[in-house]
Protein backbone atom coordinates (compact mmCIF):
# COMPACT_ATOMS: atom_id res chain seq x y z
CA MET A 1 15.56 10.05 4.23
CA ASN A 2 14.27 11.14 7.45
CA ARG A 3 10.83 10.28 8.77
CA LEU A 4 9.44 13.37 8.12
CA GLN A 5 10.21 13.53 4.37
CA VAL A 6 9.27 9.52 3.65
CA LEU A 7 5.99 11.04 5.83
CA ALA A 8 5.56 14.36 3.58
CA ILE A 9 5.81 11.92 0.34
CA ALA A 10 3.52 9.44 1.62
CA LEU A 11 0.72 10.99 2.83
CA ALA A 12 0.58 14.05 1.00
CA ALA A 13 -0.12 12.76 -2.36
CA THR A 14 -3.38 14.68 -2.76
CA ALA A 15 -2.22 17.81 -1.54
CA LEU A 16 -1.29 19.06 -5.52
CA LEU A 17 -4.44 17.51 -6.68
CA ALA A 18 -7.92 18.99 -7.37
CA PRO A 19 -9.98 18.35 -4.33
CA ASP A 20 -12.33 14.96 -4.40
CA PRO A 21 -13.70 13.40 -1.49
CA VAL A 22 -13.14 9.79 -3.31
CA SER A 23 -9.45 10.32 -3.69
CA ASP A 24 -9.33 11.69 -0.23
CA ALA A 25 -10.82 8.75 1.48
CA ALA A 26 -9.02 6.50 -0.80
CA ASP A 27 -5.71 8.02 0.28
CA ARG A 28 -6.64 7.87 3.94
CA GLY A 29 -7.72 4.18 3.61
CA ARG A 30 -4.46 2.92 2.60
CA ILE A 31 -3.26 3.59 6.07
CA THR A 32 -3.58 1.22 9.03
CA GLY A 33 -2.62 1.05 12.70
CA LYS A 34 -3.29 3.52 15.69
CA ASP A 35 -2.60 7.37 15.70
CA THR A 36 -0.52 6.64 18.71
CA ALA A 37 1.97 4.22 17.26
CA LYS A 38 5.64 5.36 17.59
CA LEU A 39 6.86 4.13 14.23
CA TRP A 40 5.67 4.68 10.59
CA PHE A 41 5.99 1.72 8.11
CA VAL A 42 5.87 2.62 4.61
CA MET A 43 5.59 0.38 1.68
CA VAL A 44 6.08 1.02 -1.91
CA SER A 45 4.80 -2.14 -3.86
CA ASP A 46 3.39 -3.34 -6.91
CA PHE A 47 0.35 -5.81 -7.14
CA GLN A 48 1.74 -8.10 -9.72
CA CYS A 49 5.07 -7.98 -8.84
CA PRO A 50 6.10 -11.22 -7.64
CA TYR A 51 8.75 -10.51 -5.01
CA CYS A 52 6.08 -8.20 -3.44
CA LYS A 53 3.69 -11.11 -3.49
CA ALA A 54 6.46 -13.18 -1.78
CA TRP A 55 6.55 -10.73 0.99
CA HIS A 56 3.35 -10.09 1.29
CA ASP A 57 2.84 -14.06 2.19
CA ALA A 58 5.81 -14.47 4.18
CA THR A 59 6.20 -11.14 5.88
CA PHE A 60 2.94 -9.09 6.22
CA PRO A 61 0.81 -11.46 8.53
CA MET A 62 3.59 -11.75 10.91
CA LEU A 63 3.87 -7.33 10.87
CA GLU A 64 0.18 -7.24 10.67
CA LYS A 65 -0.45 -9.26 14.12
CA ASP A 66 2.49 -8.29 15.92
CA TYR A 67 2.81 -4.74 15.18
CA VAL A 68 -0.02 -3.21 13.58
CA VAL A 69 -2.73 -4.89 15.72
CA THR A 70 -0.66 -3.93 19.00
CA GLY A 71 -0.32 -0.48 17.88
CA LYS A 72 3.53 -0.69 17.72
CA ILE A 73 3.41 0.38 14.18
CA ARG A 74 1.20 2.39 11.53
CA MET A 75 1.33 1.10 8.22
CA ALA A 76 1.11 2.93 4.54
CA PHE A 77 0.67 1.34 1.46
CA ILE A 78 2.53 3.29 -1.64
CA ASN A 79 1.15 2.32 -5.40
CA TYR A 80 4.43 1.68 -7.59
CA PRO A 81 2.85 -0.11 -10.90
CA LEU A 82 5.36 -1.80 -13.26
CA HIS A 83 3.86 -4.89 -14.63
CA SER A 84 0.84 -5.02 -17.42
CA ASN A 85 -1.82 -5.39 -14.84
CA SER A 86 -0.42 -3.70 -12.00
CA LEU A 87 -2.30 -0.43 -12.39
CA ALA A 88 -5.38 -2.25 -12.79
CA ALA A 89 -4.88 -3.87 -9.83
CA SER A 90 -4.07 -0.60 -7.79
CA VAL A 91 -7.11 1.12 -9.14
CA SER A 92 -9.49 -1.66 -7.71
CA ALA A 93 -7.51 -1.55 -4.56
CA MET A 94 -7.89 1.81 -3.73
CA CYS A 95 -11.02 2.17 -5.15
CA ALA A 96 -12.03 -0.50 -2.52
CA ALA A 97 -9.79 1.91 0.01
CA ALA A 98 -12.42 5.08 -0.58
CA GLN A 99 -14.69 2.42 1.11
CA GLY A 100 -12.62 1.22 3.62
CA LYS A 101 -11.83 -1.95 2.41
CA PHE A 102 -8.19 -1.74 0.95
CA TRP A 103 -6.68 -4.26 3.45
CA PRO A 104 -8.97 -7.29 2.84
CA THR A 105 -8.91 -6.06 -1.00
CA HIS A 106 -4.75 -6.03 -0.79
CA ASP A 107 -4.69 -9.55 0.39
CA ARG A 108 -7.22 -11.16 -2.04
CA ILE A 109 -5.28 -9.51 -4.72
CA PHE A 110 -1.78 -10.64 -3.69
CA ASP A 111 -3.21 -14.53 -2.81
CA LYS A 112 -5.04 -14.67 -6.07
CA GLN A 113 -2.29 -12.86 -8.43
CA ASP A 114 -1.66 -15.95 -10.41
CA GLU A 115 -5.43 -16.02 -11.30
CA TRP A 116 -5.32 -12.23 -12.56
CA LYS A 117 -1.82 -11.22 -13.77
CA GLY A 118 -2.08 -13.20 -17.47
CA LEU A 119 -5.48 -11.77 -18.26
CA LYS A 120 -6.08 -9.30 -21.30
CA GLU A 121 -8.84 -7.70 -19.44
CA PRO A 122 -8.48 -7.83 -15.64
CA ARG A 123 -10.79 -5.14 -14.17
CA HIS A 124 -13.93 -7.62 -13.54
CA TYR A 125 -11.52 -10.35 -11.88
CA LEU A 126 -9.91 -7.54 -9.82
CA ASP A 127 -13.41 -5.98 -8.94
CA SER A 128 -14.94 -9.61 -7.99
CA LEU A 129 -11.87 -9.45 -5.70
CA ALA A 130 -12.87 -6.11 -3.82
CA ILE A 131 -16.87 -6.84 -3.79
CA ALA A 132 -15.90 -10.35 -2.33
CA SER A 133 -13.71 -7.93 0.25
CA GLY A 134 -16.89 -5.85 1.26
CA ALA A 135 -16.84 -3.43 -1.32
CA ASN A 136 -19.92 -2.03 -2.88
CA ALA A 137 -20.13 -3.08 -6.23
CA ALA A 138 -22.11 0.29 -7.45
CA ALA A 139 -19.29 2.99 -5.74
CA LEU A 140 -16.46 0.46 -7.01
CA LYS A 141 -17.57 1.26 -10.70
CA SER A 142 -18.22 4.73 -10.20
CA CYS A 143 -15.03 5.46 -8.42
CA GLU A 144 -12.90 3.71 -11.55
CA ASP A 145 -15.41 5.30 -14.11
CA GLY A 146 -14.85 8.52 -12.57
CA ASN A 147 -10.95 8.20 -12.75
CA HIS A 148 -10.47 8.92 -9.19
CA VAL A 149 -7.85 7.39 -7.95
CA GLN A 150 -5.42 7.09 -10.89
CA PRO A 151 -4.13 10.42 -10.25
CA LEU A 152 -3.20 9.72 -6.33
CA ILE A 153 -1.43 6.29 -7.83
CA GLU A 154 0.19 8.42 -10.42
CA ALA A 155 1.63 10.73 -8.06
CA ASP A 156 2.55 7.98 -5.43
CA GLN A 157 4.93 6.66 -8.28
CA GLU A 158 6.30 9.92 -9.14
CA ARG A 159 6.91 10.92 -5.61
CA PHE A 160 8.62 8.03 -4.50
CA LYS A 161 10.53 7.58 -7.91
CA LYS A 162 12.34 11.16 -6.93
CA ALA A 163 12.80 10.12 -3.55
CA GLY A 164 14.85 7.29 -5.30
CA VAL A 165 12.69 4.05 -5.46
CA THR A 166 13.87 2.16 -8.29
CA GLY A 167 11.83 -1.27 -7.64
CA THR A 168 9.81 -3.02 -5.81
CA PRO A 169 9.01 -3.72 -2.81
CA THR A 170 10.95 -1.16 -1.00
CA PHE A 171 10.41 0.16 2.85
CA PHE A 172 11.05 3.06 4.56
CA ILE A 173 11.00 2.39 8.40
CA GLY A 174 11.37 5.45 10.56
CA ASN A 175 14.85 6.43 9.60
CA ALA A 176 15.63 3.07 8.07
CA THR A 177 15.06 1.80 4.14
CA LEU A 178 15.09 -1.79 3.54
CA VAL A 179 14.82 -3.14 -0.34
CA GLY A 180 13.10 -6.48 -1.61
CA ALA A 181 11.85 -9.40 -0.08
CA LEU A 182 13.82 -9.94 2.91
CA PRO A 183 12.55 -12.43 5.58
CA PRO A 184 10.59 -11.82 8.50
CA GLN A 185 13.33 -11.59 11.07
CA ALA A 186 15.13 -8.89 8.83
CA PHE A 187 12.37 -6.56 9.54
CA ARG A 188 11.53 -7.51 12.94
CA HIS A 189 15.04 -6.90 13.81
CA VAL A 190 14.74 -3.34 12.24
CA ILE A 191 11.77 -2.52 13.66
CA ASP A 192 12.70 -3.67 17.55
CA SER A 193 15.56 -1.58 17.27
CA LEU A 194 13.88 1.46 16.39
CA LEU A 195 11.59 1.08 18.64
CA ALA A 196 13.58 0.46 21.51
CA ALA A 197 15.80 3.80 20.55
CA PRO A 198 15.04 6.87 23.03
CA LYS A 199 12.99 8.25 20.24
CA ALA A 200 11.71 5.98 17.89
CA ARG A 201 10.64 7.78 14.66
């Protein structure tokens, strides 16, 4: 799968949906990095997946510090909920994304995974994490009650299932694909190799 195919899947999730400014803002809000970055990094993830949390804890901070902040890569998060409370977590995170608060909410949801994964009704707890990350409570409730982001989440999963994703975490980095909670050095090697190529994609 080449870069353009991945981006067409990852970043046009709302194209076939009814126009919705909240959903559109959420779609944009789960992207981080500079527009001028040479390389796209697309992560297909599940907030309740233990391997996704392990990857987040061990590798994500390095990528953010060394590659996103420095303008080398641009990163997009793709929802692929597979567990009992995964969808609720994705909804809270994406409604926070509509307010520009996806990434701090993303971090808190992973950090507190053990606290919410077994809850019968996780929404209140997950929303508290989004609010602690700076999301407005009333806007968050309106987004969730209005079902603004669920179609986007479903579109994420459907498109990437068709692209061959069978589990989480899966990563598309330029033309490379990595699967699983691989250590930081594995990602550093792939990214550095692609950035050093004559035409990094």
